[in-house]
Amino acid sequence: LNTKGLTFRGRIADHVGFSSSITDNQERGPDFFTTRVYASGYP
């Protein structure tokens, strides 16, 4: 699993809070994980 990205959070004037994250991922899981990806017919 290779993940890279950014997270940020903040608040404005004590009224609004916000948070977010965005990541780019490359992943190869174990066999049961890969099987699950295609199991439903909707990958």
All heavy atoms as atom14 arrays in JSON, in Angstrom:
{
  "sequence": "LNTKGLTFRGRIADHVGFSSSITDNQERGPDFFTTRVYASGYP",
  "atom14_mask": [
    [1, 1, 1, 1, 1, 1, 1, 1, 0, 0, 0, 0, 0, 0],
    [1, 1, 1, 1, 1, 1, 1, 1, 0, 0, 0, 0, 0, 0],
    [1, 1, 1, 1, 1, 1, 1, 0, 0, 0, 0, 0, 0, 0],
    [1, 1, 1, 1, 1, 1, 1, 1, 1, 0, 0, 0, 0, 0],
    [1, 1, 1, 1, 0, 0, 0, 0, 0, 0, 0, 0, 0, 0],
    [1, 1, 1, 1, 1, 1, 1, 1, 0, 0, 0, 0, 0, 0],
    [1, 1, 1, 1, 1, 1, 1, 0, 0, 0, 0, 0, 0, 0],
    [1, 1, 1, 1, 1, 1, 1, 1, 1, 1, 1, 0, 0, 0],
    [1, 1, 1, 1, 1, 1, 1, 1, 1, 1, 1, 0, 0, 0],
    [1, 1, 1, 1, 0, 0, 0, 0, 0, 0, 0, 0, 0, 0],
    [1, 1, 1, 1, 1, 1, 1, 1, 1, 1, 1, 0, 0, 0],
    [1, 1, 1, 1, 1, 1, 1, 1, 0, 0, 0, 0, 0, 0],
    [1, 1, 1, 1, 1, 0, 0, 0, 0, 0, 0, 0, 0, 0],
    [1, 1, 1, 1, 1, 1, 1, 1, 0, 0, 0, 0, 0, 0],
    [1, 1, 1, 1, 1, 1, 1, 1, 1, 1, 0, 0, 0, 0],
    [1, 1, 1, 1, 1, 1, 1, 0, 0, 0, 0, 0, 0, 0],
    [1, 1, 1, 1, 0, 0, 0, 0, 0, 0, 0, 0, 0, 0],
    [1, 1, 1, 1, 1, 1, 1, 1, 1, 1, 1, 0, 0, 0],
    [1, 1, 1, 1, 1, 1, 0, 0, 0, 0, 0, 0, 0, 0],
    [1, 1, 1, 1, 1, 1, 0, 0, 0, 0, 0, 0, 0, 0],
    [1, 1, 1, 1, 1, 1, 0, 0, 0, 0, 0, 0, 0, 0],
    [1, 1, 1, 1, 1, 1, 1, 1, 0, 0, 0, 0, 0, 0],
    [1, 1, 1, 1, 1, 1, 1, 0, 0, 0, 0, 0, 0, 0],
    [1, 1, 1, 1, 1, 1, 1, 1, 0, 0, 0, 0, 0, 0],
    [1, 1, 1, 1, 1, 1, 1, 1, 0, 0, 0, 0, 0, 0],
    [1, 1, 1, 1, 1, 1, 1, 1, 1, 0, 0, 0, 0, 0],
    [1, 1, 1, 1, 1, 1, 1, 1, 1, 0, 0, 0, 0, 0],
    [1, 1, 1, 1, 1, 1, 1, 1, 1, 1, 1, 0, 0, 0],
    [1, 1, 1, 1, 0, 0, 0, 0, 0, 0, 0, 0, 0, 0],
    [1, 1, 1, 1, 1, 1, 1, 0, 0, 0, 0, 0, 0, 0],
    [1, 1, 1, 1, 1, 1, 1, 1, 0, 0, 0, 0, 0, 0],
    [1, 1, 1, 1, 1, 1, 1, 1, 1, 1, 1, 0, 0, 0],
    [1, 1, 1, 1, 1, 1, 1, 1, 1, 1, 1, 0, 0, 0],
    [1, 1, 1, 1, 1, 1, 1, 0, 0, 0, 0, 0, 0, 0],
    [1, 1, 1, 1, 1, 1, 1, 0, 0, 0, 0, 0, 0, 0],
    [1, 1, 1, 1, 1, 1, 1, 1, 1, 1, 1, 0, 0, 0],
    [1, 1, 1, 1, 1, 1, 1, 0, 0, 0, 0, 0, 0, 0],
    [1, 1, 1, 1, 1, 1, 1, 1, 1, 1, 1, 1, 0, 0],
    [1, 1, 1, 1, 1, 0, 0, 0, 0, 0, 0, 0, 0, 0],
    [1, 1, 1, 1, 1, 1, 0, 0, 0, 0, 0, 0, 0, 0],
    [1, 1, 1, 1, 0, 0, 0, 0, 0, 0, 0, 0, 0, 0],
    [1, 1, 1, 1, 1, 1, 1, 1, 1, 1, 1, 1, 0, 0],
    [1, 1, 1, 1, 1, 1, 1, 0, 0, 0, 0, 0, 0, 0]
  ],
  "atom14_positions": [
    [[0.86, -1.18, 0.0], [0.0, 0.0, 0.0], [0.9, 1.23, 0.0], [1.75, 1.38, 0.88], [-0.92, 0.03, 1.22], [-1.74, 1.32, 1.42], [-2.68, 1.55, 0.25], [-2.51, 1.29, 2.73], [0.0, 0.0, 0.0], [0.0, 0.0, 0.0], [0.0, 0.0, 0.0], [0.0, 0.0, 0.0], [0.0, 0.0, 0.0], [0.0, 0.0, 0.0]],
    [[0.72, 2.08, -0.98], [1.5, 3.32, -1.1], [0.52, 4.49, -1.11], [-0.3, 4.62, -2.01], [2.33, 3.29, -2.39], [3.11, 4.56, -2.6], [3.49, 5.23, -1.64], [3.36, 4.92, -3.84], [0.0, 0.0, 0.0], [0.0, 0.0, 0.0], [0.0, 0.0, 0.0], [0.0, 0.0, 0.0], [0.0, 0.0, 0.0], [0.0, 0.0, 0.0]],
    [[0.59, 5.33, -0.08], [-0.34, 6.45, 0.07], [0.44, 7.76, 0.23], [1.4, 7.81, 1.01], [-1.25, 6.26, 1.3], [-2.02, 5.08, 1.14], [-2.18, 7.44, 1.48], [0.0, 0.0, 0.0], [0.0, 0.0, 0.0], [0.0, 0.0, 0.0], [0.0, 0.0, 0.0], [0.0, 0.0, 0.0], [0.0, 0.0, 0.0], [0.0, 0.0, 0.0]],
    [[0.01, 8.78, -0.49], [0.63, 10.11, -0.34], [-0.45, 11.16, -0.57], [-1.34, 10.98, -1.41], [1.78, 10.3, -1.32], [1.46, 9.9, -2.75], [2.72, 9.79, -3.57], [2.41, 9.31, -4.99], [1.9, 7.92, -5.0], [0.0, 0.0, 0.0], [0.0, 0.0, 0.0], [0.0, 0.0, 0.0], [0.0, 0.0, 0.0], [0.0, 0.0, 0.0]],
    [[-0.39, 12.24, 0.19], [-1.41, 13.28, 0.04], [-1.27, 14.36, 1.09], [-0.19, 14.58, 1.64], [0.0, 0.0, 0.0], [0.0, 0.0, 0.0], [0.0, 0.0, 0.0], [0.0, 0.0, 0.0], [0.0, 0.0, 0.0], [0.0, 0.0, 0.0], [0.0, 0.0, 0.0], [0.0, 0.0, 0.0], [0.0, 0.0, 0.0], [0.0, 0.0, 0.0]],
    [[-2.39, 15.03, 1.38], [-2.41, 16.14, 2.33], [-3.65, 16.05, 3.21], [-4.7, 15.57, 2.77], [-2.43, 17.49, 1.6], [-1.18, 17.96, 0.87], [-1.51, 19.23, 0.09], [-0.04, 18.22, 1.84], [0.0, 0.0, 0.0], [0.0, 0.0, 0.0], [0.0, 0.0, 0.0], [0.0, 0.0, 0.0], [0.0, 0.0, 0.0], [0.0, 0.0, 0.0]],
    [[-3.52, 16.53, 4.43], [-4.68, 16.76, 5.29], [-4.63, 18.21, 5.77], [-3.54, 18.77, 5.94], [-4.69, 15.84, 6.53], [-3.6, 16.18, 7.39], [-4.6, 14.38, 6.12], [0.0, 0.0, 0.0], [0.0, 0.0, 0.0], [0.0, 0.0, 0.0], [0.0, 0.0, 0.0], [0.0, 0.0, 0.0], [0.0, 0.0, 0.0], [0.0, 0.0, 0.0]],
    [[-5.79, 18.79, 5.97], [-5.84, 20.12, 6.56], [-7.11, 20.28, 7.36], [-8.11, 19.6, 7.12], [-5.7, 21.22, 5.5], [-6.83, 21.29, 4.51], [-7.96, 22.04, 4.77], [-6.74, 20.61, 3.3], [-8.99, 22.11, 3.86], [-7.77, 20.67, 2.38], [-8.9, 21.42, 2.65], [0.0, 0.0, 0.0], [0.0, 0.0, 0.0], [0.0, 0.0, 0.0]],
    [[-7.05, 21.17, 8.34], [-8.23, 21.47, 9.14], [-8.08, 22.9, 9.66], [-6.99, 23.48, 9.64], [-8.38, 20.51, 10.32], [-7.43, 20.76, 11.47], [-7.73, 19.87, 12.66], [-7.02, 20.3, 13.85], [-5.77, 19.98, 14.13], [-5.08, 19.21, 13.31], [-5.2, 20.42, 15.24], [0.0, 0.0, 0.0], [0.0, 0.0, 0.0], [0.0, 0.0, 0.0]],
    [[-9.2, 23.47, 10.11], [-9.13, 24.82, 10.64], [-10.46, 25.27, 11.18], [-11.44, 24.53, 11.23], [0.0, 0.0, 0.0], [0.0, 0.0, 0.0], [0.0, 0.0, 0.0], [0.0, 0.0, 0.0], [0.0, 0.0, 0.0], [0.0, 0.0, 0.0], [0.0, 0.0, 0.0], [0.0, 0.0, 0.0], [0.0, 0.0, 0.0], [0.0, 0.0, 0.0]],
    [[-10.5, 26.53, 11.61], [-11.75, 27.14, 12.06], [-11.69, 28.63, 11.77], [-10.61, 29.23, 11.7], [-12.02, 26.87, 13.53], [-11.03, 27.47, 14.5], [-11.28, 26.95, 15.91], [-10.37, 27.51, 16.89], [-10.69, 28.41, 17.81], [-11.94, 28.86, 17.86], [-9.81, 28.87, 18.66], [0.0, 0.0, 0.0], [0.0, 0.0, 0.0], [0.0, 0.0, 0.0]],
    [[-12.85, 29.2, 11.59], [-12.96, 30.61, 11.23], [-13.84, 31.32, 12.26], [-15.01, 30.98, 12.42], [-13.56, 30.79, 9.82], [-12.69, 30.04, 8.79], [-13.68, 32.25, 9.46], [-13.3, 30.0, 7.4], [0.0, 0.0, 0.0], [0.0, 0.0, 0.0], [0.0, 0.0, 0.0], [0.0, 0.0, 0.0], [0.0, 0.0, 0.0], [0.0, 0.0, 0.0]],
    [[-13.25, 32.31, 12.93], [-13.98, 33.18, 13.86], [-14.85, 32.43, 14.87], [-15.92, 32.89, 15.24], [-14.84, 34.17, 13.08], [0.0, 0.0, 0.0], [0.0, 0.0, 0.0], [0.0, 0.0, 0.0], [0.0, 0.0, 0.0], [0.0, 0.0, 0.0], [0.0, 0.0, 0.0], [0.0, 0.0, 0.0], [0.0, 0.0, 0.0], [0.0, 0.0, 0.0]],
    [[-14.4, 31.25, 15.29], [-15.11, 30.46, 16.3], [-16.5, 30.01, 15.86], [-17.3, 29.55, 16.68], [-15.24, 31.23, 17.62], [-13.94, 31.23, 18.41], [-13.04, 30.45, 18.03], [-13.83, 32.0, 19.37], [0.0, 0.0, 0.0], [0.0, 0.0, 0.0], [0.0, 0.0, 0.0], [0.0, 0.0, 0.0], [0.0, 0.0, 0.0], [0.0, 0.0, 0.0]],
    [[-16.83, 30.15, 14.59], [-18.16, 29.77, 14.13], [-18.15, 28.55, 13.22], [-19.1, 27.77, 13.24], [-18.81, 30.93, 13.37], [-19.16, 32.1, 14.23], [-19.82, 31.97, 15.42], [-18.93, 33.43, 14.08], [-19.99, 33.15, 15.97], [-19.46, 34.06, 15.17], [0.0, 0.0, 0.0], [0.0, 0.0, 0.0], [0.0, 0.0, 0.0], [0.0, 0.0, 0.0]],
    [[-17.13, 28.39, 12.42], [-17.1, 27.31, 11.44], [-15.83, 26.49, 11.6], [-14.73, 27.05, 11.69], [-17.16, 27.86, 10.0], [-17.12, 26.73, 8.98], [-18.43, 28.69, 9.8], [0.0, 0.0, 0.0], [0.0, 0.0, 0.0], [0.0, 0.0, 0.0], [0.0, 0.0, 0.0], [0.0, 0.0, 0.0], [0.0, 0.0, 0.0], [0.0, 0.0, 0.0]],
    [[-15.99, 25.19, 11.66], [-14.84, 24.29, 11.66], [-14.84, 23.48, 10.38], [-15.91, 23.13, 9.86], [0.0, 0.0, 0.0], [0.0, 0.0, 0.0], [0.0, 0.0, 0.0], [0.0, 0.0, 0.0], [0.0, 0.0, 0.0], [0.0, 0.0, 0.0], [0.0, 0.0, 0.0], [0.0, 0.0, 0.0], [0.0, 0.0, 0.0], [0.0, 0.0, 0.0]],
    [[-13.68, 23.16, 9.86], [-13.61, 22.37, 8.63], [-12.39, 21.47, 8.65], [-11.39, 21.77, 9.33], [-13.56, 23.29, 7.4], [-12.39, 24.24, 7.38], [-11.17, 23.9, 6.82], [-12.52, 25.51, 7.96], [-10.11, 24.78, 6.82], [-11.45, 26.4, 7.95], [-10.24, 26.03, 7.39], [0.0, 0.0, 0.0], [0.0, 0.0, 0.0], [0.0, 0.0, 0.0]],
    [[-12.47, 20.37, 7.95], [-11.33, 19.46, 7.84], [-11.45, 18.7, 6.53], [-12.56, 18.48, 6.02], [-11.28, 18.48, 9.02], [-12.43, 17.64, 9.01], [0.0, 0.0, 0.0], [0.0, 0.0, 0.0], [0.0, 0.0, 0.0], [0.0, 0.0, 0.0], [0.0, 0.0, 0.0], [0.0, 0.0, 0.0], [0.0, 0.0, 0.0], [0.0, 0.0, 0.0]],
    [[-10.32, 18.29, 5.99], [-10.34, 17.56, 4.72], [-9.04, 16.8, 4.54], [-8.02, 17.13, 5.16], [-10.54, 18.53, 3.55], [-10.67, 17.82, 2.33], [0.0, 0.0, 0.0], [0.0, 0.0, 0.0], [0.0, 0.0, 0.0], [0.0, 0.0, 0.0], [0.0, 0.0, 0.0], [0.0, 0.0, 0.0], [0.0, 0.0, 0.0], [0.0, 0.0, 0.0]],
    [[-9.09, 15.78, 3.73], [-7.89, 15.04, 3.36], [-8.05, 14.55, 1.93], [-9.16, 14.24, 1.48], [-7.64, 13.86, 4.3], [-8.64, 12.86, 4.12], [0.0, 0.0, 0.0], [0.0, 0.0, 0.0], [0.0, 0.0, 0.0], [0.0, 0.0, 0.0], [0.0, 0.0, 0.0], [0.0, 0.0, 0.0], [0.0, 0.0, 0.0], [0.0, 0.0, 0.0]],
    [[-6.95, 14.48, 1.21], [-6.95, 13.93, -0.13], [-5.68, 13.12, -0.31], [-4.59, 13.58, 0.03], [-7.07, 15.03, -1.21], [-7.09, 14.4, -2.61], [-5.98, 16.08, -1.07], [-7.48, 15.36, -3.7], [0.0, 0.0, 0.0], [0.0, 0.0, 0.0], [0.0, 0.0, 0.0], [0.0, 0.0, 0.0], [0.0, 0.0, 0.0], [0.0, 0.0, 0.0]],
    [[-5.83, 11.89, -0.77], [-4.68, 11.01, -0.94], [-4.73, 10.3, -2.28], [-5.79, 10.03, -2.82], [-4.63, 9.94, 0.17], [-5.85, 9.17, 0.15], [-4.46, 10.58, 1.54], [0.0, 0.0, 0.0], [0.0, 0.0, 0.0], [0.0, 0.0, 0.0], [0.0, 0.0, 0.0], [0.0, 0.0, 0.0], [0.0, 0.0, 0.0], [0.0, 0.0, 0.0]],
    [[-3.55, 10.03, -2.8], [-3.36, 9.22, -4.0], [-2.82, 7.87, -3.53], [-1.83, 7.81, -2.78], [-2.36, 9.91, -4.94], [-2.05, 9.07, -6.17], [-2.91, 8.26, -6.56], [-0.95, 9.23, -6.73], [0.0, 0.0, 0.0], [0.0, 0.0, 0.0], [0.0, 0.0, 0.0], [0.0, 0.0, 0.0], [0.0, 0.0, 0.0], [0.0, 0.0, 0.0]],
    [[-3.46, 6.77, -3.95], [-3.15, 5.45, -3.41], [-2.89, 4.44, -4.5], [-3.61, 4.41, -5.52], [-4.32, 4.94, -2.55], [-4.73, 5.93, -1.48], [-4.24, 5.89, -0.37], [-5.64, 6.84, -1.82], [0.0, 0.0, 0.0], [0.0, 0.0, 0.0], [0.0, 0.0, 0.0], [0.0, 0.0, 0.0], [0.0, 0.0, 0.0], [0.0, 0.0, 0.0]],
    [[-1.88, 3.61, -4.3], [-1.65, 2.44, -5.12], [-1.61, 1.24, -4.17], [-0.87, 1.26, -3.18], [-0.32, 2.54, -5.89], [-0.29, 3.63, -6.96], [-0.06, 5.01, -6.38], [0.79, 5.19, -5.51], [-0.83, 6.0, -6.85], [0.0, 0.0, 0.0], [0.0, 0.0, 0.0], [0.0, 0.0, 0.0], [0.0, 0.0, 0.0], [0.0, 0.0, 0.0]],
    [[-2.41, 0.23, -4.46], [-2.6, -0.84, -3.49], [-2.73, -2.19, -4.18], [-3.42, -2.34, -5.19], [-3.85, -0.57, -2.65], [-4.16, -1.62, -1.61], [-5.34, -1.24, -0.73], [-6.08, -0.29, -1.1], [-5.52, -1.88, 0.32], [0.0, 0.0, 0.0], [0.0, 0.0, 0.0], [0.0, 0.0, 0.0], [0.0, 0.0, 0.0], [0.0, 0.0, 0.0]],
    [[-2.06, -3.19, -3.62], [-2.31, -4.59, -3.96], [-2.51, -5.31, -2.63], [-1.6, -5.39, -1.81], [-1.17, -5.23, -4.73], [-1.42, -6.74, -4.98], [-0.26, -7.43, -5.67], [-0.23, -7.11, -7.08], [0.83, -6.65, -7.72], [1.95, -6.43, -7.05], [0.78, -6.39, -9.02], [0.0, 0.0, 0.0], [0.0, 0.0, 0.0], [0.0, 0.0, 0.0]],
    [[-3.71, -5.82, -2.4], [-4.03, -6.49, -1.15], [-3.82, -7.98, -1.24], [-3.46, -8.52, -2.29], [0.0, 0.0, 0.0], [0.0, 0.0, 0.0], [0.0, 0.0, 0.0], [0.0, 0.0, 0.0], [0.0, 0.0, 0.0], [0.0, 0.0, 0.0], [0.0, 0.0, 0.0], [0.0, 0.0, 0.0], [0.0, 0.0, 0.0], [0.0, 0.0, 0.0]],
    [[-4.07, -8.71, -0.16], [-4.0, -10.17, -0.18], [-5.11, -10.76, -1.04], [-5.99, -10.04, -1.52], [-4.16, -10.54, 1.3], [-4.85, -9.36, 1.92], [-4.39, -8.16, 1.17], [0.0, 0.0, 0.0], [0.0, 0.0, 0.0], [0.0, 0.0, 0.0], [0.0, 0.0, 0.0], [0.0, 0.0, 0.0], [0.0, 0.0, 0.0], [0.0, 0.0, 0.0]],
    [[-5.1, -12.05, -1.23], [-6.03, -12.7, -2.16], [-7.5, -12.41, -1.85], [-8.29, -12.14, -2.75], [-5.79, -14.22, -2.15], [-4.49, -14.6, -2.84], [-3.99, -13.78, -3.64], [-3.98, -15.7, -2.58], [0.0, 0.0, 0.0], [0.0, 0.0, 0.0], [0.0, 0.0, 0.0], [0.0, 0.0, 0.0], [0.0, 0.0, 0.0], [0.0, 0.0, 0.0]],
    [[-7.87, -12.48, -0.56], [-9.28, -12.29, -0.22], [-9.74, -10.87, -0.56], [-10.88, -10.63, -0.91], [-9.53, -12.59, 1.26], [-8.99, -11.57, 2.22], [-9.74, -10.45, 2.58], [-7.72, -11.72, 2.75], [-9.24, -9.51, 3.46], [-7.21, -10.77, 3.63], [-7.96, -9.68, 3.98], [0.0, 0.0, 0.0], [0.0, 0.0, 0.0], [0.0, 0.0, 0.0]],
    [[-8.81, -9.92, -0.45], [-9.1, -8.53, -0.78], [-9.34, -8.39, -2.28], [-10.33, -7.78, -2.72], [-7.92, -7.66, -0.33], [-8.03, -6.21, -0.72], [-8.68, -5.3, 0.1], [-7.46, -5.75, -1.9], [-8.76, -3.96, -0.25], [-7.54, -4.42, -2.25], [-8.19, -3.52, -1.43], [0.0, 0.0, 0.0], [0.0, 0.0, 0.0], [0.0, 0.0, 0.0]],
    [[-8.45, -8.95, -3.09], [-8.57, -8.87, -4.54], [-9.84, -9.55, -5.02], [-10.55, -9.05, -5.91], [-7.35, -9.51, -5.22], [-6.15, -8.9, -4.71], [-7.4, -9.33, -6.72], [0.0, 0.0, 0.0], [0.0, 0.0, 0.0], [0.0, 0.0, 0.0], [0.0, 0.0, 0.0], [0.0, 0.0, 0.0], [0.0, 0.0, 0.0], [0.0, 0.0, 0.0]],
    [[-10.17, -10.71, -4.41], [-11.39, -11.42, -4.78], [-12.62, -10.58, -4.5], [-13.57, -10.55, -5.28], [-11.49, -12.74, -3.99], [-10.35, -13.55, -4.28], [-12.75, -13.51, -4.36], [0.0, 0.0, 0.0], [0.0, 0.0, 0.0], [0.0, 0.0, 0.0], [0.0, 0.0, 0.0], [0.0, 0.0, 0.0], [0.0, 0.0, 0.0], [0.0, 0.0, 0.0]],
    [[-12.59, -9.85, -3.4], [-13.72, -9.01, -3.01], [-13.96, -7.88, -4.01], [-15.1, -7.48, -4.25], [-13.47, -8.44, -1.61], [-14.61, -7.58, -1.07], [-15.86, -8.4, -0.86], [-16.95, -7.58, -0.35], [-18.2, -7.99, -0.25], [-18.53, -9.21, -0.63], [-19.13, -7.19, 0.23], [0.0, 0.0, 0.0], [0.0, 0.0, 0.0], [0.0, 0.0, 0.0]],
    [[-12.89, -7.38, -4.61], [-13.01, -6.28, -5.56], [-13.92, -6.66, -6.73], [-14.74, -5.87, -7.19], [-11.61, -5.87, -6.09], [-11.74, -4.86, -7.23], [-10.78, -5.26, -4.96], [0.0, 0.0, 0.0], [0.0, 0.0, 0.0], [0.0, 0.0, 0.0], [0.0, 0.0, 0.0], [0.0, 0.0, 0.0], [0.0, 0.0, 0.0], [0.0, 0.0, 0.0]],
    [[-13.81, -7.9, -7.18], [-14.56, -8.33, -8.36], [-15.76, -9.21, -8.03], [-16.46, -9.66, -8.93], [-13.63, -9.09, -9.31], [-12.47, -8.27, -9.82], [-11.2, -8.42, -9.27], [-12.65, -7.32, -10.83], [-10.13, -7.65, -9.73], [-11.59, -6.56, -11.29], [-10.33, -6.73, -10.73], [-9.27, -5.98, -11.19], [0.0, 0.0, 0.0], [0.0, 0.0, 0.0]],
    [[-16.01, -9.46, -6.74], [-17.02, -10.46, -6.35], [-18.43, -10.1, -6.76], [-19.21, -10.97, -7.15], [-16.95, -10.68, -4.83], [0.0, 0.0, 0.0], [0.0, 0.0, 0.0], [0.0, 0.0, 0.0], [0.0, 0.0, 0.0], [0.0, 0.0, 0.0], [0.0, 0.0, 0.0], [0.0, 0.0, 0.0], [0.0, 0.0, 0.0], [0.0, 0.0, 0.0]],
    [[-18.82, -8.85, -6.7], [-20.22, -8.47, -6.89], [-20.62, -8.34, -8.36], [-21.8, -8.22, -8.68], [-20.5, -7.15, -6.18], [-19.78, -6.09, -6.81], [0.0, 0.0, 0.0], [0.0, 0.0, 0.0], [0.0, 0.0, 0.0], [0.0, 0.0, 0.0], [0.0, 0.0, 0.0], [0.0, 0.0, 0.0], [0.0, 0.0, 0.0], [0.0, 0.0, 0.0]],
    [[-19.66, -8.35, -9.24], [-19.96, -8.08, -10.65], [-19.86, -6.6, -10.98], [-19.95, -6.19, -12.14], [0.0, 0.0, 0.0], [0.0, 0.0, 0.0], [0.0, 0.0, 0.0], [0.0, 0.0, 0.0], [0.0, 0.0, 0.0], [0.0, 0.0, 0.0], [0.0, 0.0, 0.0], [0.0, 0.0, 0.0], [0.0, 0.0, 0.0], [0.0, 0.0, 0.0]],
    [[-19.73, -5.76, -9.93], [-19.53, -4.32, -10.09], [-18.22, -3.97, -9.39], [-18.22, -3.65, -8.2], [-20.69, -3.53, -9.48], [-22.02, -3.83, -10.13], [-22.87, -4.78, -9.59], [-22.41, -3.16, -11.29], [-24.1, -5.06, -10.19], [-23.63, -3.43, -11.89], [-24.47, -4.39, -11.34], [-25.67, -4.67, -11.94], [0.0, 0.0, 0.0], [0.0, 0.0, 0.0]],
    [[-17.1, -4.05, -10.09], [-15.79, -3.92, -9.46], [-15.67, -2.64, -8.63], [-16.0, -1.55, -9.08], [-14.82, -3.89, -10.66], [-15.55, -4.63, -11.73], [-17.0, -4.29, -11.54], [0.0, 0.0, 0.0], [0.0, 0.0, 0.0], [0.0, 0.0, 0.0], [0.0, 0.0, 0.0], [0.0, 0.0, 0.0], [0.0, 0.0, 0.0], [0.0, 0.0, 0.0]]
  ]
}
